[in-house]
Amino acid sequence: MKVTIEIECDNAAFDPDPAQELGRILRDTGALLQDQGVDGMPRPGDSRPIRDINGNTVGSLTVNE
């Protein structure tokens, strides 16, 4: 299984400090995966949106075989 995380950092949520927003997104994404446990683990073919602090979709988490 391969998990790919893609995030576009081109919108206002990443200004003036892109590292801060990127770190927040990665922490939130990791926490979501941990909270779901084994039964909630994404499976091959799954794709989930990743949202910035403003609620805009800025990327995705995709699971491949």
N, C-alpha and C. Protein backbone atom coordinates (compact mmCIF):
# COMPACT_ATOMS: atom_id res chain seq x y z
N MET A 1 0.85 -1.17 0.00
CA MET A 1 0.00 0.00 0.00
C MET A 1 0.90 1.24 0.00
N LYS A 2 0.49 2.23 -0.74
CA LYS A 2 1.21 3.50 -0.82
C LYS A 2 0.22 4.63 -0.56
N VAL A 3 0.58 5.53 0.34
CA VAL A 3 -0.26 6.68 0.64
C VAL A 3 0.42 7.92 0.08
N THR A 4 -0.32 8.67 -0.72
CA THR A 4 0.20 9.91 -1.31
C THR A 4 -0.58 11.09 -0.77
N ILE A 5 0.14 12.08 -0.27
CA ILE A 5 -0.48 13.31 0.20
C ILE A 5 -0.01 14.43 -0.73
N GLU A 6 -0.98 15.10 -1.34
CA GLU A 6 -0.68 16.24 -2.22
C GLU A 6 -1.35 17.47 -1.65
N ILE A 7 -0.58 18.56 -1.54
CA ILE A 7 -1.11 19.81 -0.99
C ILE A 7 -0.63 20.97 -1.85
N GLU A 8 -1.57 21.77 -2.32
CA GLU A 8 -1.26 22.99 -3.06
C GLU A 8 -1.17 24.14 -2.04
N CYS A 9 -0.08 24.85 -2.05
CA CYS A 9 0.16 25.90 -1.06
C CYS A 9 0.06 27.29 -1.67
N ASP A 10 -0.85 27.46 -2.63
CA ASP A 10 -0.93 28.72 -3.38
C ASP A 10 -2.01 29.69 -2.92
N ASN A 11 -2.74 29.38 -1.84
CA ASN A 11 -3.82 30.29 -1.49
C ASN A 11 -3.50 31.11 -0.23
N ALA A 12 -4.42 31.97 0.17
CA ALA A 12 -4.20 32.93 1.25
C ALA A 12 -3.92 32.27 2.60
N ALA A 13 -4.41 31.07 2.83
CA ALA A 13 -4.19 30.41 4.12
C ALA A 13 -2.71 30.17 4.39
N PHE A 14 -1.89 30.15 3.36
CA PHE A 14 -0.46 29.89 3.51
C PHE A 14 0.36 31.17 3.64
N ASP A 15 -0.28 32.33 3.58
CA ASP A 15 0.41 33.62 3.73
C ASP A 15 0.23 34.12 5.15
N PRO A 16 1.16 34.69 5.79
CA PRO A 16 2.52 34.94 5.33
C PRO A 16 3.50 33.82 5.65
N ASP A 17 3.03 32.75 6.35
CA ASP A 17 3.93 31.69 6.81
C ASP A 17 3.45 30.33 6.32
N PRO A 18 3.88 29.90 5.13
CA PRO A 18 3.42 28.63 4.58
C PRO A 18 3.74 27.43 5.47
N ALA A 19 4.88 27.47 6.16
CA ALA A 19 5.27 26.33 7.00
C ALA A 19 4.27 26.11 8.14
N GLN A 20 3.75 27.19 8.70
CA GLN A 20 2.80 27.06 9.80
C GLN A 20 1.51 26.36 9.35
N GLU A 21 0.96 26.79 8.23
CA GLU A 21 -0.28 26.18 7.73
C GLU A 21 -0.03 24.74 7.27
N LEU A 22 1.07 24.50 6.61
CA LEU A 22 1.40 23.15 6.17
C LEU A 22 1.56 22.21 7.37
N GLY A 23 2.23 22.67 8.41
CA GLY A 23 2.38 21.87 9.61
C GLY A 23 1.04 21.56 10.25
N ARG A 24 0.15 22.55 10.31
CA ARG A 24 -1.18 22.35 10.89
C ARG A 24 -1.95 21.30 10.11
N ILE A 25 -1.90 21.39 8.78
CA ILE A 25 -2.61 20.43 7.92
C ILE A 25 -2.07 19.02 8.14
N LEU A 26 -0.76 18.86 8.19
CA LEU A 26 -0.17 17.54 8.38
C LEU A 26 -0.50 16.97 9.76
N ARG A 27 -0.48 17.81 10.80
CA ARG A 27 -0.85 17.35 12.14
C ARG A 27 -2.31 16.90 12.18
N ASP A 28 -3.19 17.72 11.59
CA ASP A 28 -4.62 17.38 11.58
C ASP A 28 -4.89 16.10 10.79
N THR A 29 -4.20 15.93 9.68
CA THR A 29 -4.37 14.73 8.86
C THR A 29 -3.88 13.50 9.62
N GLY A 30 -2.75 13.61 10.28
CA GLY A 30 -2.22 12.51 11.08
C GLY A 30 -3.14 12.15 12.23
N ALA A 31 -3.66 13.17 12.92
CA ALA A 31 -4.57 12.93 14.04
C ALA A 31 -5.85 12.24 13.57
N LEU A 32 -6.35 12.65 12.42
CA LEU A 32 -7.55 12.02 11.87
C LEU A 32 -7.31 10.53 11.61
N LEU A 33 -6.18 10.21 11.03
CA LEU A 33 -5.86 8.80 10.75
C LEU A 33 -5.72 8.01 12.05
N GLN A 34 -5.06 8.58 13.05
CA GLN A 34 -4.89 7.90 14.33
C GLN A 34 -6.23 7.66 15.01
N ASP A 35 -7.09 8.64 15.00
CA ASP A 35 -8.38 8.55 15.68
C ASP A 35 -9.28 7.49 15.05
N GLN A 36 -9.09 7.22 13.76
CA GLN A 36 -9.95 6.26 13.08
C GLN A 36 -9.56 4.82 13.39
N GLY A 37 -8.36 4.59 13.87
CA GLY A 37 -7.92 3.25 14.23
C GLY A 37 -7.82 2.33 13.03
N VAL A 38 -7.58 1.06 13.28
CA VAL A 38 -7.36 0.07 12.22
C VAL A 38 -8.58 -0.05 11.32
N ASP A 39 -9.78 -0.08 11.90
CA ASP A 39 -10.99 -0.24 11.10
C ASP A 39 -11.25 0.94 10.19
N GLY A 40 -10.75 2.12 10.55
CA GLY A 40 -10.97 3.31 9.74
C GLY A 40 -9.82 3.63 8.81
N MET A 41 -8.81 2.75 8.79
CA MET A 41 -7.65 2.99 7.93
C MET A 41 -8.10 3.04 6.48
N PRO A 42 -7.62 4.04 5.75
CA PRO A 42 -7.96 4.10 4.32
C PRO A 42 -7.50 2.84 3.60
N ARG A 43 -8.26 2.45 2.62
CA ARG A 43 -7.95 1.26 1.84
C ARG A 43 -7.59 1.66 0.41
N PRO A 44 -6.88 0.78 -0.31
CA PRO A 44 -6.53 1.11 -1.69
C PRO A 44 -7.76 1.58 -2.47
N GLY A 45 -7.58 2.68 -3.17
CA GLY A 45 -8.66 3.28 -3.94
C GLY A 45 -9.31 4.45 -3.22
N ASP A 46 -9.11 4.54 -1.89
CA ASP A 46 -9.68 5.66 -1.13
C ASP A 46 -8.95 6.96 -1.43
N SER A 47 -9.69 8.04 -1.40
CA SER A 47 -9.12 9.37 -1.53
C SER A 47 -9.92 10.30 -0.62
N ARG A 48 -9.23 11.11 0.12
CA ARG A 48 -9.88 12.04 1.04
C ARG A 48 -9.36 13.45 0.79
N PRO A 49 -10.26 14.43 0.86
CA PRO A 49 -9.80 15.81 0.65
C PRO A 49 -9.02 16.32 1.85
N ILE A 50 -8.12 17.23 1.58
CA ILE A 50 -7.37 17.93 2.62
C ILE A 50 -7.77 19.39 2.51
N ARG A 51 -8.13 19.99 3.65
CA ARG A 51 -8.63 21.36 3.66
C ARG A 51 -7.72 22.28 4.46
N ASP A 52 -7.65 23.53 4.02
CA ASP A 52 -6.87 24.53 4.76
C ASP A 52 -7.69 25.06 5.93
N ILE A 53 -7.13 25.99 6.69
CA ILE A 53 -7.77 26.55 7.87
C ILE A 53 -9.08 27.27 7.52
N ASN A 54 -9.21 27.70 6.28
CA ASN A 54 -10.42 28.40 5.83
C ASN A 54 -11.49 27.46 5.28
N GLY A 55 -11.19 26.17 5.25
CA GLY A 55 -12.15 25.19 4.76
C GLY A 55 -12.05 24.91 3.28
N ASN A 56 -11.09 25.51 2.61
CA ASN A 56 -10.91 25.28 1.17
C ASN A 56 -10.16 23.97 0.94
N THR A 57 -10.57 23.22 -0.07
CA THR A 57 -9.84 22.00 -0.43
C THR A 57 -8.54 22.39 -1.11
N VAL A 58 -7.42 21.94 -0.52
CA VAL A 58 -6.11 22.29 -1.05
C VAL A 58 -5.31 21.06 -1.47
N GLY A 59 -5.91 19.88 -1.31
CA GLY A 59 -5.18 18.68 -1.68
C GLY A 59 -5.97 17.43 -1.36
N SER A 60 -5.23 16.32 -1.35
CA SER A 60 -5.88 15.04 -1.09
C SER A 60 -4.90 14.05 -0.50
N LEU A 61 -5.46 13.07 0.20
CA LEU A 61 -4.73 11.91 0.66
C LEU A 61 -5.30 10.74 -0.14
N THR A 62 -4.45 10.06 -0.88
CA THR A 62 -4.88 8.98 -1.76
C THR A 62 -4.12 7.70 -1.40
N VAL A 63 -4.84 6.59 -1.39
CA VAL A 63 -4.24 5.30 -1.09
C VAL A 63 -4.20 4.47 -2.36
N ASN A 64 -3.01 3.99 -2.69
CA ASN A 64 -2.81 3.13 -3.86
C ASN A 64 -2.32 1.78 -3.40
N GLU A 65 -2.45 0.78 -4.24
CA GLU A 65 -1.96 -0.57 -3.89
C GLU A 65 -0.47 -0.62 -3.96
